[in-house]
C-alpha cells in the first residue's frame, strides 16, 4: 500500500508540474518548446525518488497534459506543428531512457539518500582495523 501511495505521489508531481508549465508558458511560442525539457527534470527526480513505474507513468501523463493543454489545437490529442510534435516525441523518448537507466529500487544509488542503509557490525569494523594495522 505504501509503494502505491509513493508511486501516486511521483505521478502527481509530474502531472502537476506539466499542468503548471502549461498554464504559465502557454502564451509564448518559444517557451512552449522548453516546457517538456523542464518537466523532464521532474521526471528524473520522480524516477530516482519514487521509482521507475512512477517516473514512467508520470512521463506519459505529462505528455498527455502537454498535448491537451499546451500545444495547438488545444483540447485535442493532435499536435499540428511538426516542431512541437518532435519536441513531444523527444521528451517521451528521453523520459523512457531515464526510466530504463535508473536504479531498480527507489532511492538506491541516488543522491537523495542521506544515511547508509546498513550499519557495519562491530566484528566487521574490528576486522577492518586489524587489517589496517597489520600493513
N, C-alpha and C. Protein backbone atom coordinates (compact mmCIF):
# COMPACT_ATOMS: atom_id res chain seq x y z
N UNK A 1 0.83 -1.20 0.00
CA UNK A 1 0.00 0.00 0.00
C UNK A 1 0.86 1.25 0.00
N UNK A 2 1.96 1.18 0.76
CA UNK A 2 2.83 2.36 0.85
C UNK A 2 3.52 2.64 -0.48
N UNK A 3 3.92 1.59 -1.21
CA UNK A 3 4.57 1.82 -2.51
C UNK A 3 3.59 2.39 -3.52
N UNK A 4 2.33 1.98 -3.44
CA UNK A 4 1.31 2.53 -4.35
C UNK A 4 1.12 4.01 -4.06
N UNK A 5 1.10 4.38 -2.78
CA UNK A 5 0.95 5.78 -2.41
C UNK A 5 2.16 6.60 -2.86
N UNK A 6 3.35 6.03 -2.70
CA UNK A 6 4.55 6.73 -3.15
C UNK A 6 4.55 6.89 -4.67
N UNK A 7 4.12 5.86 -5.39
CA UNK A 7 4.05 5.98 -6.85
C UNK A 7 3.04 7.05 -7.26
N UNK A 8 1.93 7.11 -6.55
CA UNK A 8 0.92 8.15 -6.86
C UNK A 8 1.47 9.55 -6.61
N UNK A 9 2.31 9.69 -5.58
CA UNK A 9 2.94 10.99 -5.34
C UNK A 9 3.86 11.38 -6.49
N UNK A 10 4.64 10.43 -6.99
CA UNK A 10 5.53 10.72 -8.11
C UNK A 10 4.78 11.06 -9.38
N UNK A 11 3.71 10.31 -9.64
CA UNK A 11 2.89 10.56 -10.83
C UNK A 11 2.24 11.93 -10.74
N UNK A 12 1.70 12.26 -9.57
CA UNK A 12 1.03 13.56 -9.44
C UNK A 12 2.03 14.71 -9.45
N UNK A 13 3.27 14.48 -9.03
CA UNK A 13 4.29 15.53 -9.14
C UNK A 13 4.58 15.83 -10.60
N UNK A 14 4.75 14.79 -11.40
CA UNK A 14 5.00 15.01 -12.84
C UNK A 14 3.81 15.67 -13.52
N UNK A 15 2.62 15.19 -13.23
CA UNK A 15 1.42 15.75 -13.85
C UNK A 15 1.17 17.18 -13.37
N UNK A 16 1.40 17.44 -12.10
CA UNK A 16 1.19 18.79 -11.57
C UNK A 16 2.13 19.81 -12.18
N UNK A 17 3.39 19.43 -12.34
CA UNK A 17 4.35 20.34 -12.97
C UNK A 17 3.98 20.57 -14.43
N UNK A 18 3.51 19.53 -15.11
CA UNK A 18 3.09 19.69 -16.51
C UNK A 18 1.92 20.66 -16.62
N UNK A 19 0.97 20.57 -15.70
CA UNK A 19 -0.17 21.49 -15.72
C UNK A 19 0.29 22.92 -15.45
N UNK A 20 1.15 23.09 -14.44
CA UNK A 20 1.65 24.44 -14.13
C UNK A 20 2.44 25.03 -15.28
N UNK A 21 3.30 24.21 -15.91
CA UNK A 21 4.06 24.71 -17.06
C UNK A 21 3.14 25.06 -18.22
N UNK A 22 2.10 24.27 -18.42
CA UNK A 22 1.15 24.57 -19.49
C UNK A 22 0.41 25.88 -19.23
N UNK A 23 0.08 26.14 -17.97
CA UNK A 23 -0.62 27.37 -17.63
C UNK A 23 0.27 28.59 -17.79
N UNK A 24 1.51 28.50 -17.30
CA UNK A 24 2.37 29.69 -17.28
C UNK A 24 3.15 29.91 -18.56
N UNK A 25 3.44 28.86 -19.31
CA UNK A 25 4.26 29.01 -20.51
C UNK A 25 3.45 28.86 -21.80
N UNK A 26 2.15 28.74 -21.69
CA UNK A 26 1.33 28.53 -22.88
C UNK A 26 1.17 29.74 -23.77
N UNK A 27 1.46 30.94 -23.25
CA UNK A 27 1.26 32.16 -24.04
C UNK A 27 2.37 32.40 -25.05
N UNK A 28 3.58 32.01 -24.71
CA UNK A 28 4.73 32.28 -25.56
C UNK A 28 5.03 31.09 -26.46
N UNK A 29 5.32 31.36 -27.72
CA UNK A 29 5.63 30.29 -28.67
C UNK A 29 6.97 29.64 -28.35
N UNK A 30 7.96 30.44 -27.99
CA UNK A 30 9.29 29.89 -27.69
C UNK A 30 9.30 29.12 -26.38
N UNK A 31 8.59 29.60 -25.39
CA UNK A 31 8.58 28.95 -24.08
C UNK A 31 7.85 27.62 -24.12
N UNK A 32 6.91 27.47 -25.05
CA UNK A 32 6.19 26.19 -25.15
C UNK A 32 7.13 25.06 -25.51
N UNK A 33 8.17 25.35 -26.26
CA UNK A 33 9.11 24.30 -26.65
C UNK A 33 10.05 23.92 -25.52
N UNK A 34 10.17 24.75 -24.51
CA UNK A 34 11.06 24.50 -23.38
C UNK A 34 10.36 23.72 -22.27
N UNK A 35 9.04 23.79 -22.21
CA UNK A 35 8.27 23.18 -21.11
C UNK A 35 8.54 21.68 -20.95
N UNK A 36 8.58 20.87 -22.02
CA UNK A 36 8.89 19.45 -21.82
C UNK A 36 10.31 19.21 -21.27
N UNK A 37 11.25 20.07 -21.62
CA UNK A 37 12.60 19.92 -21.08
C UNK A 37 12.64 20.19 -19.59
N UNK A 38 11.87 21.16 -19.15
CA UNK A 38 11.80 21.45 -17.72
C UNK A 38 11.10 20.29 -17.00
N UNK A 39 10.06 19.76 -17.60
CA UNK A 39 9.32 18.66 -16.99
C UNK A 39 10.16 17.38 -16.95
N UNK A 40 11.09 17.23 -17.86
CA UNK A 40 11.97 16.06 -17.86
C UNK A 40 12.80 16.00 -16.58
N UNK A 41 13.17 17.15 -16.06
CA UNK A 41 13.93 17.17 -14.80
C UNK A 41 13.07 16.67 -13.65
N UNK A 42 11.78 16.96 -13.67
CA UNK A 42 10.88 16.45 -12.64
C UNK A 42 10.69 14.95 -12.80
N UNK A 43 10.65 14.47 -14.03
CA UNK A 43 10.54 13.03 -14.27
C UNK A 43 11.78 12.32 -13.74
N UNK A 44 12.96 12.91 -13.93
CA UNK A 44 14.19 12.32 -13.41
C UNK A 44 14.13 12.24 -11.89
N UNK A 45 13.71 13.32 -11.25
CA UNK A 45 13.62 13.33 -9.78
C UNK A 45 12.57 12.32 -9.29
N UNK A 46 11.44 12.24 -9.96
CA UNK A 46 10.40 11.29 -9.56
C UNK A 46 10.87 9.86 -9.74
N UNK A 47 11.61 9.60 -10.80
CA UNK A 47 12.12 8.25 -11.03
C UNK A 47 13.13 7.86 -9.96
N UNK A 48 14.01 8.77 -9.61
CA UNK A 48 15.02 8.45 -8.60
C UNK A 48 14.42 8.35 -7.20
N UNK A 49 13.43 9.15 -6.91
CA UNK A 49 12.90 9.18 -5.55
C UNK A 49 11.75 8.18 -5.35
N UNK A 50 10.83 8.08 -6.31
CA UNK A 50 9.66 7.24 -6.13
C UNK A 50 9.68 5.96 -6.95
N UNK A 51 10.64 5.77 -7.83
CA UNK A 51 10.76 4.52 -8.56
C UNK A 51 10.46 4.64 -10.04
N UNK A 52 10.78 3.54 -10.74
CA UNK A 52 10.64 3.51 -12.19
C UNK A 52 9.20 3.67 -12.68
N UNK A 53 8.30 2.95 -12.04
CA UNK A 53 6.91 2.99 -12.51
C UNK A 53 6.31 4.38 -12.35
N UNK A 54 6.62 5.05 -11.25
CA UNK A 54 6.12 6.41 -11.05
C UNK A 54 6.67 7.35 -12.11
N UNK A 55 7.95 7.19 -12.45
CA UNK A 55 8.54 8.04 -13.48
C UNK A 55 7.95 7.78 -14.85
N UNK A 56 7.73 6.51 -15.18
CA UNK A 56 7.18 6.18 -16.49
C UNK A 56 5.75 6.66 -16.65
N UNK A 57 4.91 6.37 -15.68
CA UNK A 57 3.51 6.80 -15.76
C UNK A 57 3.42 8.33 -15.67
N UNK A 58 4.28 8.94 -14.85
CA UNK A 58 4.30 10.40 -14.77
C UNK A 58 4.71 11.05 -16.08
N UNK A 59 5.66 10.43 -16.79
CA UNK A 59 6.08 10.97 -18.10
C UNK A 59 4.96 10.85 -19.13
N UNK A 60 4.25 9.73 -19.12
CA UNK A 60 3.13 9.57 -20.05
C UNK A 60 2.01 10.57 -19.71
N UNK A 61 1.74 10.75 -18.42
CA UNK A 61 0.71 11.72 -18.02
C UNK A 61 1.11 13.14 -18.41
N UNK A 62 2.39 13.47 -18.25
CA UNK A 62 2.86 14.81 -18.64
C UNK A 62 2.74 15.02 -20.15
N UNK A 63 3.03 13.98 -20.92
CA UNK A 63 2.90 14.09 -22.38
C UNK A 63 1.45 14.33 -22.78
N UNK A 64 0.54 13.61 -22.17
CA UNK A 64 -0.89 13.80 -22.47
C UNK A 64 -1.34 15.21 -22.08
N UNK A 65 -0.87 15.68 -20.94
CA UNK A 65 -1.24 17.03 -20.49
C UNK A 65 -0.68 18.08 -21.45
N UNK A 66 0.55 17.90 -21.89
CA UNK A 66 1.12 18.85 -22.86
C UNK A 66 0.35 18.83 -24.17
N UNK A 67 -0.07 17.65 -24.61
CA UNK A 67 -0.84 17.57 -25.85
C UNK A 67 -2.18 18.29 -25.72
N UNK A 68 -2.82 18.13 -24.57
CA UNK A 68 -4.14 18.71 -24.40
C UNK A 68 -4.12 20.20 -24.07
N UNK A 69 -3.17 20.64 -23.23
CA UNK A 69 -3.22 21.99 -22.69
C UNK A 69 -2.18 22.96 -23.23
N UNK A 70 -1.11 22.46 -23.85
CA UNK A 70 -0.02 23.36 -24.23
C UNK A 70 0.06 23.61 -25.73
N UNK A 71 -0.01 22.55 -26.51
CA UNK A 71 0.22 22.68 -27.94
C UNK A 71 -1.10 22.77 -28.70
N UNK A 72 -1.07 23.53 -29.79
CA UNK A 72 -2.28 23.74 -30.60
C UNK A 72 -2.55 22.52 -31.46
N UNK A 73 -3.77 22.20 -31.72
CA UNK A 73 -5.03 22.75 -31.22
C UNK A 73 -5.28 22.30 -29.78
N UNK A 74 -5.66 23.24 -28.94
CA UNK A 74 -5.87 22.95 -27.52
C UNK A 74 -7.08 22.03 -27.33
N UNK A 75 -6.95 21.11 -26.38
CA UNK A 75 -8.04 20.19 -26.07
C UNK A 75 -8.13 18.99 -26.98
N UNK A 76 -7.18 18.80 -27.86
CA UNK A 76 -7.18 17.65 -28.77
C UNK A 76 -5.86 16.90 -28.64
N UNK A 77 -5.88 15.63 -29.00
CA UNK A 77 -4.67 14.83 -28.95
C UNK A 77 -3.80 15.01 -30.19
N UNK A 78 -4.21 15.82 -31.12
CA UNK A 78 -3.44 16.08 -32.33
C UNK A 78 -2.57 17.32 -32.11
N UNK A 79 -1.32 17.26 -32.55
CA UNK A 79 -0.42 18.41 -32.48
C UNK A 79 -0.16 18.82 -33.93
N UNK A 80 -0.51 20.06 -34.26
CA UNK A 80 -0.47 20.48 -35.65
C UNK A 80 0.94 20.86 -36.13
N UNK A 81 1.75 21.44 -35.28
CA UNK A 81 3.08 21.90 -35.68
C UNK A 81 4.08 20.74 -35.61
N UNK A 82 4.83 20.49 -36.69
CA UNK A 82 5.80 19.38 -36.67
C UNK A 82 6.93 19.57 -35.66
N UNK A 83 7.31 20.80 -35.39
CA UNK A 83 8.36 21.06 -34.40
C UNK A 83 7.88 20.69 -33.01
N UNK A 84 6.65 21.06 -32.69
CA UNK A 84 6.10 20.72 -31.39
C UNK A 84 5.91 19.21 -31.25
N UNK A 85 5.52 18.56 -32.34
CA UNK A 85 5.39 17.11 -32.32
C UNK A 85 6.74 16.45 -32.07
N UNK A 86 7.78 16.97 -32.69
CA UNK A 86 9.13 16.42 -32.48
C UNK A 86 9.60 16.63 -31.04
N UNK A 87 9.24 17.78 -30.46
CA UNK A 87 9.61 18.05 -29.07
C UNK A 87 8.91 17.05 -28.14
N UNK A 88 7.63 16.77 -28.39
CA UNK A 88 6.91 15.81 -27.55
C UNK A 88 7.47 14.39 -27.69
N UNK A 89 7.80 14.01 -28.90
CA UNK A 89 8.36 12.67 -29.12
C UNK A 89 9.72 12.55 -28.46
N UNK A 90 10.55 13.58 -28.58
CA UNK A 90 11.87 13.52 -27.95
C UNK A 90 11.75 13.55 -26.42
N UNK A 91 10.76 14.27 -25.89
CA UNK A 91 10.52 14.25 -24.45
C UNK A 91 10.15 12.85 -23.99
N UNK A 92 9.25 12.21 -24.71
CA UNK A 92 8.82 10.87 -24.31
C UNK A 92 9.97 9.87 -24.42
N UNK A 93 10.77 9.94 -25.48
CA UNK A 93 11.91 9.03 -25.63
C UNK A 93 12.97 9.26 -24.55
N UNK A 94 13.22 10.52 -24.23
CA UNK A 94 14.19 10.82 -23.17
C UNK A 94 13.69 10.34 -21.82
N UNK A 95 12.39 10.49 -21.56
CA UNK A 95 11.83 10.03 -20.29
C UNK A 95 11.90 8.52 -20.18
N UNK A 96 11.63 7.81 -21.25
CA UNK A 96 11.74 6.34 -21.23
C UNK A 96 13.19 5.94 -21.02
N UNK A 97 14.12 6.65 -21.66
CA UNK A 97 15.54 6.37 -21.45
C UNK A 97 15.97 6.59 -20.01
N UNK A 98 15.48 7.65 -19.40
CA UNK A 98 15.81 7.92 -17.99
C UNK A 98 15.28 6.82 -17.09
N UNK A 99 14.06 6.39 -17.36
CA UNK A 99 13.45 5.35 -16.54
C UNK A 99 14.23 4.04 -16.69
N UNK A 100 14.63 3.70 -17.89
CA UNK A 100 15.36 2.45 -18.11
C UNK A 100 16.76 2.48 -17.53
N UNK A 101 17.39 3.65 -17.46
CA UNK A 101 18.75 3.75 -16.92
C UNK A 101 18.78 3.97 -15.42
N UNK A 102 17.64 4.16 -14.80
CA UNK A 102 17.61 4.45 -13.36
C UNK A 102 17.76 3.14 -12.57
N UNK A 103 18.14 3.25 -11.29
CA UNK A 103 18.22 2.06 -10.46
C UNK A 103 16.85 1.42 -10.27
N UNK A 104 16.84 0.13 -9.99
CA UNK A 104 15.57 -0.59 -9.90
C UNK A 104 14.72 -0.16 -8.71
N UNK A 105 15.31 -0.05 -7.55
CA UNK A 105 14.51 0.31 -6.38
C UNK A 105 14.60 1.80 -6.12
N UNK A 106 13.53 2.42 -5.63
CA UNK A 106 13.55 3.86 -5.40
C UNK A 106 14.57 4.23 -4.34
N UNK A 107 15.36 5.22 -4.63
CA UNK A 107 16.33 5.73 -3.68
C UNK A 107 17.67 5.02 -3.69
N UNK A 108 17.78 3.87 -4.35
CA UNK A 108 19.06 3.16 -4.32
C UNK A 108 20.04 3.80 -5.29
N UNK A 109 21.18 4.13 -4.80
CA UNK A 109 22.20 4.73 -5.64
C UNK A 109 21.94 6.18 -5.98
N UNK A 110 21.00 6.81 -5.35
CA UNK A 110 20.69 8.19 -5.69
C UNK A 110 21.31 9.15 -4.70
N UNK A 111 21.31 10.39 -5.04
CA UNK A 111 21.84 11.42 -4.16
C UNK A 111 20.84 11.82 -3.09
N UNK A 112 19.62 11.32 -3.19
CA UNK A 112 18.59 11.70 -2.26
C UNK A 112 18.73 11.00 -0.91
N UNK A 113 19.43 9.87 -0.88
CA UNK A 113 19.60 9.14 0.36
C UNK A 113 20.73 9.77 1.15
N UNK A 114 20.50 10.09 2.41
CA UNK A 114 21.49 10.81 3.20
C UNK A 114 22.21 9.92 4.20
N UNK A 115 21.67 8.77 4.55
CA UNK A 115 22.33 7.91 5.51
C UNK A 115 22.49 6.52 4.91
N UNK A 116 23.49 5.79 5.36
CA UNK A 116 23.70 4.45 4.79
C UNK A 116 22.57 3.50 5.17
N UNK A 117 22.35 2.51 4.33
CA UNK A 117 21.28 1.56 4.59
C UNK A 117 21.59 0.64 5.75
N UNK A 118 22.82 0.14 5.81
CA UNK A 118 23.19 -0.82 6.84
C UNK A 118 24.39 -0.30 7.61
N UNK A 119 24.32 -0.43 8.90
CA UNK A 119 25.47 -0.07 9.72
C UNK A 119 26.38 -1.29 9.80
N UNK A 120 27.68 -1.10 9.65
CA UNK A 120 28.56 -2.25 9.74
C UNK A 120 28.57 -2.79 11.17
N UNK A 121 28.68 -4.10 11.28
CA UNK A 121 28.69 -4.72 12.60
C UNK A 121 30.03 -4.48 13.28
N UNK A 122 30.06 -4.64 14.60
CA UNK A 122 31.28 -4.40 15.36
C UNK A 122 32.41 -5.33 14.96
N UNK A 123 32.08 -6.61 14.67
CA UNK A 123 33.12 -7.57 14.28
C UNK A 123 33.73 -7.17 12.95
N UNK A 124 32.92 -6.68 12.03
CA UNK A 124 33.43 -6.27 10.73
C UNK A 124 34.36 -5.07 10.87
N UNK A 125 33.99 -4.13 11.71
CA UNK A 125 34.82 -2.94 11.93
C UNK A 125 36.14 -3.34 12.59
N UNK A 126 36.10 -4.24 13.57
CA UNK A 126 37.33 -4.69 14.22
C UNK A 126 38.25 -5.40 13.22
N UNK A 127 37.66 -6.17 12.31
CA UNK A 127 38.46 -6.87 11.29
C UNK A 127 39.12 -5.86 10.35
N UNK A 128 38.41 -4.82 9.97
CA UNK A 128 38.99 -3.79 9.11
C UNK A 128 40.13 -3.07 9.81
N UNK A 129 39.97 -2.76 11.09
CA UNK A 129 41.03 -2.09 11.87
C UNK A 129 42.23 -3.00 11.99
N UNK A 130 41.99 -4.29 12.23
CA UNK A 130 43.09 -5.25 12.33
C UNK A 130 43.85 -5.35 11.01
N UNK A 131 43.16 -5.36 9.88
CA UNK A 131 43.83 -5.41 8.58
C UNK A 131 44.61 -4.14 8.32
N UNK A 132 44.08 -3.01 8.71
CA UNK A 132 44.77 -1.75 8.50
C UNK A 132 46.05 -1.69 9.34
N UNK A 133 45.97 -2.15 10.60
CA UNK A 133 47.13 -2.12 11.48
C UNK A 133 48.21 -3.12 11.08
N UNK A 134 47.84 -4.20 10.40
CA UNK A 134 48.83 -5.20 10.01
C UNK A 134 49.66 -4.74 8.81
N UNK A 135 49.27 -3.74 8.13
CA UNK A 135 50.03 -3.22 6.98
C UNK A 135 51.14 -2.44 7.43
